[in-house]
Amino acid sequence: MKSSKSLFNNGATVYIKETGQEVTIIKSQYVKNMKRFSYIVKEHPGTFFFEEELETDKN
């Protein structure tokens, strides 16, 4: 059971906080034991990111 709603939807364009790179989310998944969402992005399909590593506005 999901404890909260995902911040980002599939197909959303977001930025990686550390690099500022614009990426597109292709898959989101709730990680039950960590109680948070992980995301796979089109530009780095072999890596996943957590919500706190992504942002909607580039700073």
N, C-alpha and C. Protein backbone atom coordinates (compact mmCIF):
# COMPACT_ATOMS: atom_id res chain seq x y z
N MET A 1 0.84 -1.20 0.00
CA MET A 1 0.00 0.00 0.00
C MET A 1 0.88 1.25 0.00
N LYS A 2 0.57 2.16 -0.90
CA LYS A 2 1.36 3.38 -1.01
C LYS A 2 0.97 4.34 0.11
N SER A 3 1.99 4.92 0.73
CA SER A 3 1.72 5.83 1.83
C SER A 3 1.49 7.26 1.36
N SER A 4 1.90 7.57 0.14
CA SER A 4 1.70 8.91 -0.39
C SER A 4 1.65 8.82 -1.91
N LYS A 5 1.33 9.92 -2.52
CA LYS A 5 1.26 9.98 -3.98
C LYS A 5 2.60 10.43 -4.55
N SER A 6 2.94 9.88 -5.67
CA SER A 6 4.17 10.24 -6.36
C SER A 6 4.18 11.72 -6.72
N LEU A 7 5.32 12.38 -6.56
CA LEU A 7 5.43 13.79 -6.91
C LEU A 7 5.48 14.02 -8.42
N PHE A 8 6.01 13.06 -9.16
CA PHE A 8 6.20 13.21 -10.59
C PHE A 8 5.48 12.10 -11.35
N ASN A 9 4.89 12.44 -12.48
CA ASN A 9 4.19 11.47 -13.32
C ASN A 9 5.09 10.99 -14.44
N ASN A 10 4.76 9.82 -14.99
CA ASN A 10 5.49 9.31 -16.15
C ASN A 10 5.33 10.32 -17.29
N GLY A 11 6.42 10.59 -17.98
CA GLY A 11 6.42 11.54 -19.07
C GLY A 11 6.76 12.96 -18.64
N ALA A 12 6.85 13.19 -17.33
CA ALA A 12 7.16 14.53 -16.83
C ALA A 12 8.62 14.88 -17.09
N THR A 13 8.86 16.13 -17.39
CA THR A 13 10.21 16.64 -17.56
C THR A 13 10.64 17.27 -16.23
N VAL A 14 11.74 16.80 -15.70
CA VAL A 14 12.27 17.30 -14.42
C VAL A 14 13.77 17.50 -14.55
N TYR A 15 14.38 17.99 -13.50
CA TYR A 15 15.83 18.24 -13.49
C TYR A 15 16.48 17.43 -12.37
N ILE A 16 17.68 16.92 -12.66
CA ILE A 16 18.48 16.27 -11.62
C ILE A 16 19.12 17.38 -10.82
N LYS A 17 18.88 17.42 -9.52
CA LYS A 17 19.37 18.51 -8.68
C LYS A 17 20.89 18.67 -8.75
N GLU A 18 21.61 17.57 -8.70
CA GLU A 18 23.07 17.64 -8.63
C GLU A 18 23.71 18.21 -9.89
N THR A 19 23.14 17.88 -11.05
CA THR A 19 23.76 18.29 -12.31
C THR A 19 22.99 19.36 -13.06
N GLY A 20 21.70 19.51 -12.76
CA GLY A 20 20.86 20.44 -13.50
C GLY A 20 20.39 19.90 -14.84
N GLN A 21 20.70 18.65 -15.14
CA GLN A 21 20.33 18.05 -16.42
C GLN A 21 18.82 17.84 -16.50
N GLU A 22 18.24 18.22 -17.63
CA GLU A 22 16.83 18.00 -17.87
C GLU A 22 16.62 16.55 -18.30
N VAL A 23 15.68 15.85 -17.67
CA VAL A 23 15.42 14.44 -17.96
C VAL A 23 13.91 14.20 -18.02
N THR A 24 13.52 13.08 -18.62
CA THR A 24 12.12 12.70 -18.73
C THR A 24 11.89 11.40 -17.97
N ILE A 25 10.92 11.40 -17.09
CA ILE A 25 10.60 10.21 -16.30
C ILE A 25 9.87 9.20 -17.17
N ILE A 26 10.36 7.95 -17.16
CA ILE A 26 9.69 6.90 -17.93
C ILE A 26 9.02 5.87 -17.04
N LYS A 27 9.43 5.81 -15.77
CA LYS A 27 8.81 4.84 -14.86
C LYS A 27 8.98 5.31 -13.42
N SER A 28 7.92 5.15 -12.63
CA SER A 28 8.02 5.43 -11.20
C SER A 28 7.56 4.19 -10.45
N GLN A 29 8.13 3.99 -9.28
CA GLN A 29 7.81 2.80 -8.49
C GLN A 29 7.95 3.14 -7.02
N TYR A 30 6.98 2.66 -6.22
CA TYR A 30 7.04 2.86 -4.78
C TYR A 30 7.93 1.78 -4.17
N VAL A 31 8.93 2.17 -3.42
CA VAL A 31 9.83 1.23 -2.74
C VAL A 31 9.30 1.07 -1.31
N LYS A 32 8.62 -0.02 -1.09
CA LYS A 32 7.90 -0.22 0.16
C LYS A 32 8.79 -0.15 1.40
N ASN A 33 9.92 -0.85 1.38
CA ASN A 33 10.77 -0.88 2.58
C ASN A 33 11.46 0.45 2.87
N MET A 34 11.57 1.31 1.87
CA MET A 34 12.17 2.64 2.07
C MET A 34 11.09 3.72 2.19
N LYS A 35 9.85 3.35 1.91
CA LYS A 35 8.70 4.24 2.01
C LYS A 35 8.86 5.52 1.19
N ARG A 36 9.32 5.35 -0.05
CA ARG A 36 9.45 6.47 -0.97
C ARG A 36 9.45 5.97 -2.40
N PHE A 37 9.31 6.90 -3.33
CA PHE A 37 9.26 6.57 -4.74
C PHE A 37 10.64 6.64 -5.38
N SER A 38 10.86 5.76 -6.34
CA SER A 38 12.06 5.84 -7.17
C SER A 38 11.61 6.05 -8.61
N TYR A 39 12.49 6.65 -9.40
CA TYR A 39 12.16 7.00 -10.77
C TYR A 39 13.28 6.57 -11.70
N ILE A 40 12.88 6.10 -12.89
CA ILE A 40 13.83 5.80 -13.96
C ILE A 40 13.58 6.84 -15.04
N VAL A 41 14.67 7.42 -15.53
CA VAL A 41 14.55 8.47 -16.55
C VAL A 41 15.09 7.98 -17.88
N LYS A 42 14.54 8.53 -18.96
CA LYS A 42 14.89 8.12 -20.32
C LYS A 42 16.38 8.28 -20.60
N GLU A 43 16.98 9.33 -20.10
CA GLU A 43 18.37 9.65 -20.40
C GLU A 43 19.37 8.76 -19.66
N HIS A 44 18.96 8.14 -18.56
CA HIS A 44 19.82 7.25 -17.77
C HIS A 44 19.01 6.02 -17.34
N PRO A 45 18.64 5.15 -18.28
CA PRO A 45 17.75 4.04 -17.96
C PRO A 45 18.34 2.99 -17.01
N GLY A 46 19.63 2.97 -16.82
CA GLY A 46 20.26 2.00 -15.92
C GLY A 46 20.39 2.50 -14.50
N THR A 47 19.90 3.71 -14.23
CA THR A 47 20.03 4.33 -12.92
C THR A 47 18.65 4.75 -12.43
N PHE A 48 18.43 4.72 -11.14
CA PHE A 48 17.18 5.23 -10.60
C PHE A 48 17.48 6.41 -9.68
N PHE A 49 16.49 7.25 -9.52
CA PHE A 49 16.60 8.44 -8.69
C PHE A 49 15.44 8.46 -7.70
N PHE A 50 15.66 9.01 -6.52
CA PHE A 50 14.59 9.21 -5.56
C PHE A 50 14.05 10.63 -5.71
N GLU A 51 12.84 10.87 -5.17
CA GLU A 51 12.19 12.17 -5.30
C GLU A 51 13.08 13.33 -4.87
N GLU A 52 13.84 13.14 -3.80
CA GLU A 52 14.65 14.25 -3.29
C GLU A 52 15.84 14.57 -4.20
N GLU A 53 16.10 13.73 -5.19
CA GLU A 53 17.21 13.99 -6.13
C GLU A 53 16.73 14.71 -7.39
N LEU A 54 15.41 14.91 -7.51
CA LEU A 54 14.83 15.53 -8.70
C LEU A 54 14.07 16.78 -8.30
N GLU A 55 13.91 17.70 -9.26
CA GLU A 55 13.15 18.93 -9.02
C GLU A 55 12.46 19.35 -10.31
N THR A 56 11.41 20.14 -10.15
CA THR A 56 10.65 20.58 -11.33
C THR A 56 11.22 21.84 -11.95
N ASP A 57 11.90 22.67 -11.16
CA ASP A 57 12.48 23.92 -11.66
C ASP A 57 13.99 23.86 -11.57
N LYS A 58 14.64 24.26 -12.64
CA LYS A 58 16.10 24.30 -12.65
C LYS A 58 16.58 25.51 -11.87
N ASN A 59 17.45 25.27 -10.90
CA ASN A 59 17.97 26.38 -10.09
C ASN A 59 19.39 26.72 -10.45
